[in-house]
Amino acid sequence: MYIILLRFSANKSLAPAHMAAHREWLQKGIDDGVFLLAGSIRPGLGGAILAAGPSPEALQARIDQDPFVVHDIVKAEILDIAPNHTVPGLALLAE
């Protein structure tokens, strides 16, 4: 399981020009079953993604294709976590 932090860089002002492509990239990750959840880091600091499934190398390759990463709008940090405590409704995340 991974938490990906996408923190805005100095090029944050370029985000609106690439937002549609970034959203398409996010939706593809969800459709592929790799991204489980995506949302904003408040207040306006960037975004975060919960992901599962691929190898760290495959995940990095996917992140490198994010238009926000390509255009240096965000800096990506991937945290590899091993969940071992969850509420019952999220037990599948600890498997």
N, C-alpha and C. Protein backbone atom coordinates (compact mmCIF):
# COMPACT_ATOMS: atom_id res chain seq x y z
N MET A 1 0.85 -1.17 0.00
CA MET A 1 0.00 0.00 0.00
C MET A 1 0.90 1.23 0.00
N TYR A 2 0.44 2.24 -0.67
CA TYR A 2 1.24 3.45 -0.81
C TYR A 2 0.38 4.70 -0.56
N ILE A 3 1.02 5.68 0.01
CA ILE A 3 0.46 7.02 0.06
C ILE A 3 1.38 7.87 -0.80
N ILE A 4 0.81 8.53 -1.79
CA ILE A 4 1.58 9.41 -2.68
C ILE A 4 1.20 10.84 -2.34
N LEU A 5 2.18 11.63 -1.98
CA LEU A 5 1.97 13.05 -1.72
C LEU A 5 2.43 13.84 -2.94
N LEU A 6 1.58 14.66 -3.47
CA LEU A 6 1.89 15.51 -4.62
C LEU A 6 1.86 16.96 -4.13
N ARG A 7 3.01 17.45 -3.72
CA ARG A 7 3.09 18.79 -3.15
C ARG A 7 3.45 19.80 -4.23
N PHE A 8 2.70 20.91 -4.24
CA PHE A 8 2.93 21.92 -5.26
C PHE A 8 4.36 22.46 -5.19
N SER A 9 4.92 22.71 -6.37
CA SER A 9 6.24 23.33 -6.50
C SER A 9 6.04 24.82 -6.78
N ALA A 10 7.12 25.48 -7.11
CA ALA A 10 7.04 26.91 -7.45
C ALA A 10 6.22 27.15 -8.72
N ASN A 11 5.97 26.10 -9.48
CA ASN A 11 5.21 26.22 -10.73
C ASN A 11 3.71 25.98 -10.54
N LYS A 12 3.20 26.12 -9.34
CA LYS A 12 1.79 25.89 -9.04
C LYS A 12 0.87 26.66 -9.98
N SER A 13 1.30 27.83 -10.42
CA SER A 13 0.45 28.67 -11.29
C SER A 13 0.15 27.99 -12.63
N LEU A 14 0.92 26.97 -13.00
CA LEU A 14 0.68 26.24 -14.26
C LEU A 14 -0.41 25.18 -14.12
N ALA A 15 -0.87 24.93 -12.90
CA ALA A 15 -1.83 23.85 -12.66
C ALA A 15 -3.10 23.95 -13.50
N PRO A 16 -3.74 25.11 -13.59
CA PRO A 16 -4.99 25.15 -14.38
C PRO A 16 -4.82 24.70 -15.83
N ALA A 17 -3.68 24.97 -16.44
CA ALA A 17 -3.46 24.59 -17.83
C ALA A 17 -3.34 23.08 -18.01
N HIS A 18 -3.03 22.35 -16.93
CA HIS A 18 -2.82 20.90 -17.03
C HIS A 18 -3.82 20.10 -16.18
N MET A 19 -4.80 20.79 -15.61
CA MET A 19 -5.75 20.13 -14.71
C MET A 19 -6.55 19.03 -15.40
N ALA A 20 -7.04 19.26 -16.59
CA ALA A 20 -7.84 18.25 -17.29
C ALA A 20 -7.02 16.98 -17.52
N ALA A 21 -5.79 17.13 -17.96
CA ALA A 21 -4.92 15.98 -18.21
C ALA A 21 -4.57 15.27 -16.90
N HIS A 22 -4.36 16.03 -15.84
CA HIS A 22 -4.08 15.44 -14.52
C HIS A 22 -5.28 14.63 -14.05
N ARG A 23 -6.48 15.16 -14.22
CA ARG A 23 -7.69 14.43 -13.80
C ARG A 23 -7.88 13.16 -14.63
N GLU A 24 -7.57 13.21 -15.91
CA GLU A 24 -7.64 12.01 -16.75
C GLU A 24 -6.65 10.96 -16.25
N TRP A 25 -5.43 11.40 -15.90
CA TRP A 25 -4.42 10.50 -15.38
C TRP A 25 -4.90 9.86 -14.07
N LEU A 26 -5.49 10.66 -13.18
CA LEU A 26 -6.03 10.12 -11.93
C LEU A 26 -7.12 9.09 -12.21
N GLN A 27 -8.04 9.41 -13.12
CA GLN A 27 -9.14 8.49 -13.43
C GLN A 27 -8.62 7.18 -14.00
N LYS A 28 -7.57 7.25 -14.82
CA LYS A 28 -6.98 6.02 -15.37
C LYS A 28 -6.43 5.16 -14.24
N GLY A 29 -5.77 5.79 -13.26
CA GLY A 29 -5.26 5.04 -12.12
C GLY A 29 -6.38 4.37 -11.33
N ILE A 30 -7.51 5.06 -11.19
CA ILE A 30 -8.67 4.49 -10.51
C ILE A 30 -9.26 3.36 -11.35
N ASP A 31 -9.44 3.61 -12.65
CA ASP A 31 -10.01 2.59 -13.54
C ASP A 31 -9.13 1.34 -13.58
N ASP A 32 -7.81 1.50 -13.48
CA ASP A 32 -6.87 0.37 -13.50
C ASP A 32 -6.83 -0.35 -12.15
N GLY A 33 -7.49 0.20 -11.13
CA GLY A 33 -7.50 -0.43 -9.82
C GLY A 33 -6.25 -0.18 -8.99
N VAL A 34 -5.42 0.75 -9.42
CA VAL A 34 -4.18 1.07 -8.69
C VAL A 34 -4.44 2.16 -7.66
N PHE A 35 -5.18 3.20 -8.04
CA PHE A 35 -5.50 4.28 -7.11
C PHE A 35 -6.83 3.96 -6.44
N LEU A 36 -6.82 4.01 -5.13
CA LEU A 36 -8.02 3.71 -4.35
C LEU A 36 -8.76 4.96 -3.94
N LEU A 37 -8.04 6.07 -3.82
CA LEU A 37 -8.60 7.31 -3.33
C LEU A 37 -7.65 8.42 -3.75
N ALA A 38 -8.20 9.57 -4.10
CA ALA A 38 -7.38 10.74 -4.42
C ALA A 38 -8.10 11.97 -3.92
N GLY A 39 -7.34 12.94 -3.44
CA GLY A 39 -7.94 14.16 -2.95
C GLY A 39 -6.91 15.24 -2.72
N SER A 40 -7.38 16.39 -2.30
CA SER A 40 -6.53 17.56 -2.09
C SER A 40 -5.93 17.56 -0.70
N ILE A 41 -4.71 18.10 -0.61
CA ILE A 41 -4.10 18.40 0.68
C ILE A 41 -4.46 19.84 0.97
N ARG A 42 -5.18 20.08 2.04
CA ARG A 42 -5.64 21.42 2.37
C ARG A 42 -4.65 22.13 3.27
N PRO A 43 -4.56 23.40 3.17
CA PRO A 43 -5.26 24.31 2.26
C PRO A 43 -4.42 24.58 1.02
N GLY A 44 -4.79 24.01 -0.09
CA GLY A 44 -4.16 24.28 -1.37
C GLY A 44 -2.69 23.92 -1.45
N LEU A 45 -2.29 22.82 -0.79
CA LEU A 45 -0.88 22.43 -0.76
C LEU A 45 -0.52 21.39 -1.80
N GLY A 46 -1.53 20.80 -2.44
CA GLY A 46 -1.28 19.76 -3.43
C GLY A 46 -2.32 18.67 -3.32
N GLY A 47 -1.90 17.43 -3.53
CA GLY A 47 -2.83 16.32 -3.49
C GLY A 47 -2.22 15.10 -2.86
N ALA A 48 -3.07 14.11 -2.59
CA ALA A 48 -2.63 12.84 -2.03
C ALA A 48 -3.42 11.71 -2.68
N ILE A 49 -2.76 10.58 -2.83
CA ILE A 49 -3.36 9.41 -3.45
C ILE A 49 -3.07 8.20 -2.56
N LEU A 50 -4.06 7.36 -2.37
CA LEU A 50 -3.88 6.07 -1.73
C LEU A 50 -3.85 5.04 -2.86
N ALA A 51 -2.81 4.25 -2.90
CA ALA A 51 -2.63 3.30 -4.00
C ALA A 51 -2.27 1.92 -3.47
N ALA A 52 -2.55 0.92 -4.28
CA ALA A 52 -2.21 -0.46 -3.92
C ALA A 52 -1.95 -1.25 -5.19
N GLY A 53 -1.16 -2.31 -5.04
CA GLY A 53 -1.03 -3.25 -6.14
C GLY A 53 0.32 -3.34 -6.81
N PRO A 54 0.77 -2.28 -7.46
CA PRO A 54 1.96 -2.46 -8.29
C PRO A 54 3.24 -2.49 -7.46
N SER A 55 4.31 -2.90 -8.12
CA SER A 55 5.63 -2.82 -7.50
C SER A 55 6.01 -1.35 -7.33
N PRO A 56 6.95 -1.06 -6.45
CA PRO A 56 7.39 0.33 -6.31
C PRO A 56 7.87 0.93 -7.64
N GLU A 57 8.53 0.13 -8.45
CA GLU A 57 9.03 0.62 -9.75
C GLU A 57 7.89 0.93 -10.70
N ALA A 58 6.89 0.07 -10.73
CA ALA A 58 5.73 0.30 -11.61
C ALA A 58 4.95 1.52 -11.14
N LEU A 59 4.83 1.69 -9.83
CA LEU A 59 4.13 2.86 -9.30
C LEU A 59 4.90 4.13 -9.65
N GLN A 60 6.21 4.12 -9.50
CA GLN A 60 7.02 5.29 -9.84
C GLN A 60 6.87 5.64 -11.32
N ALA A 61 6.86 4.63 -12.17
CA ALA A 61 6.68 4.87 -13.61
C ALA A 61 5.33 5.52 -13.87
N ARG A 62 4.29 5.09 -13.17
CA ARG A 62 2.95 5.68 -13.33
C ARG A 62 2.96 7.12 -12.85
N ILE A 63 3.56 7.38 -11.69
CA ILE A 63 3.61 8.73 -11.14
C ILE A 63 4.37 9.65 -12.09
N ASP A 64 5.42 9.15 -12.68
CA ASP A 64 6.23 9.95 -13.61
C ASP A 64 5.44 10.39 -14.84
N GLN A 65 4.29 9.76 -15.12
CA GLN A 65 3.45 10.12 -16.26
C GLN A 65 2.39 11.17 -15.92
N ASP A 66 2.25 11.50 -14.64
CA ASP A 66 1.29 12.53 -14.23
C ASP A 66 1.68 13.85 -14.89
N PRO A 67 0.78 14.48 -15.62
CA PRO A 67 1.11 15.76 -16.24
C PRO A 67 1.61 16.81 -15.24
N PHE A 68 1.13 16.76 -14.01
CA PHE A 68 1.62 17.69 -13.00
C PHE A 68 3.09 17.42 -12.66
N VAL A 69 3.48 16.16 -12.68
CA VAL A 69 4.89 15.80 -12.43
C VAL A 69 5.73 16.16 -13.65
N VAL A 70 5.24 15.81 -14.83
CA VAL A 70 5.96 16.09 -16.08
C VAL A 70 6.29 17.58 -16.20
N HIS A 71 5.34 18.44 -15.82
CA HIS A 71 5.52 19.89 -15.97
C HIS A 71 6.01 20.56 -14.68
N ASP A 72 6.50 19.74 -13.74
CA ASP A 72 7.08 20.24 -12.48
C ASP A 72 6.13 21.15 -11.72
N ILE A 73 4.85 20.78 -11.73
CA ILE A 73 3.85 21.52 -10.96
C ILE A 73 3.80 20.98 -9.54
N VAL A 74 4.06 19.68 -9.41
CA VAL A 74 4.15 19.04 -8.11
C VAL A 74 5.43 18.23 -8.02
N LYS A 75 5.85 18.01 -6.78
CA LYS A 75 6.91 17.06 -6.46
C LYS A 75 6.23 15.87 -5.80
N ALA A 76 6.51 14.68 -6.29
CA ALA A 76 5.85 13.48 -5.76
C ALA A 76 6.74 12.80 -4.73
N GLU A 77 6.10 12.38 -3.64
CA GLU A 77 6.76 11.58 -2.61
C GLU A 77 5.92 10.34 -2.42
N ILE A 78 6.53 9.17 -2.53
CA ILE A 78 5.82 7.90 -2.38
C ILE A 78 6.21 7.29 -1.04
N LEU A 79 5.20 7.04 -0.21
CA LEU A 79 5.41 6.40 1.08
C LEU A 79 4.86 4.98 0.99
N ASP A 80 5.71 3.99 1.24
CA ASP A 80 5.31 2.58 1.22
C ASP A 80 4.92 2.22 2.65
N ILE A 81 3.65 1.89 2.85
CA ILE A 81 3.18 1.58 4.20
C ILE A 81 2.66 0.15 4.28
N ALA A 82 2.74 -0.42 5.46
CA ALA A 82 2.22 -1.77 5.71
C ALA A 82 1.10 -1.66 6.72
N PRO A 83 -0.15 -1.52 6.26
CA PRO A 83 -1.26 -1.38 7.20
C PRO A 83 -1.44 -2.64 8.05
N ASN A 84 -1.59 -2.45 9.35
CA ASN A 84 -1.86 -3.61 10.19
C ASN A 84 -2.98 -3.37 11.19
N HIS A 85 -3.56 -2.16 11.20
CA HIS A 85 -4.74 -1.87 12.02
C HIS A 85 -5.71 -1.05 11.18
N THR A 86 -6.94 -1.52 11.10
CA THR A 86 -7.96 -0.80 10.34
C THR A 86 -9.31 -0.93 11.04
N VAL A 87 -10.23 -0.09 10.66
CA VAL A 87 -11.61 -0.29 11.06
C VAL A 87 -12.14 -1.47 10.24
N PRO A 88 -13.16 -2.15 10.71
CA PRO A 88 -13.65 -3.34 9.99
C PRO A 88 -13.95 -3.09 8.49
N GLY A 89 -14.50 -1.95 8.17
CA GLY A 89 -14.85 -1.68 6.77
C GLY A 89 -13.67 -1.55 5.83
N LEU A 90 -12.48 -1.36 6.40
CA LEU A 90 -11.28 -1.21 5.56
C LEU A 90 -10.29 -2.37 5.77
N ALA A 91 -10.75 -3.46 6.34
CA ALA A 91 -9.87 -4.59 6.62
C ALA A 91 -9.16 -5.10 5.36
N LEU A 92 -9.78 -4.98 4.21
CA LEU A 92 -9.15 -5.45 2.98
C LEU A 92 -7.84 -4.71 2.70
N LEU A 93 -7.65 -3.53 3.25
CA LEU A 93 -6.41 -2.78 3.02
C LEU A 93 -5.22 -3.41 3.77
N ALA A 94 -5.50 -4.15 4.82
CA ALA A 94 -4.43 -4.76 5.60
C ALA A 94 -4.06 -6.16 5.11
N GLU A 95 -4.75 -6.62 4.09
CA GLU A 95 -4.48 -7.98 3.58
C GLU A 95 -3.23 -8.02 2.74
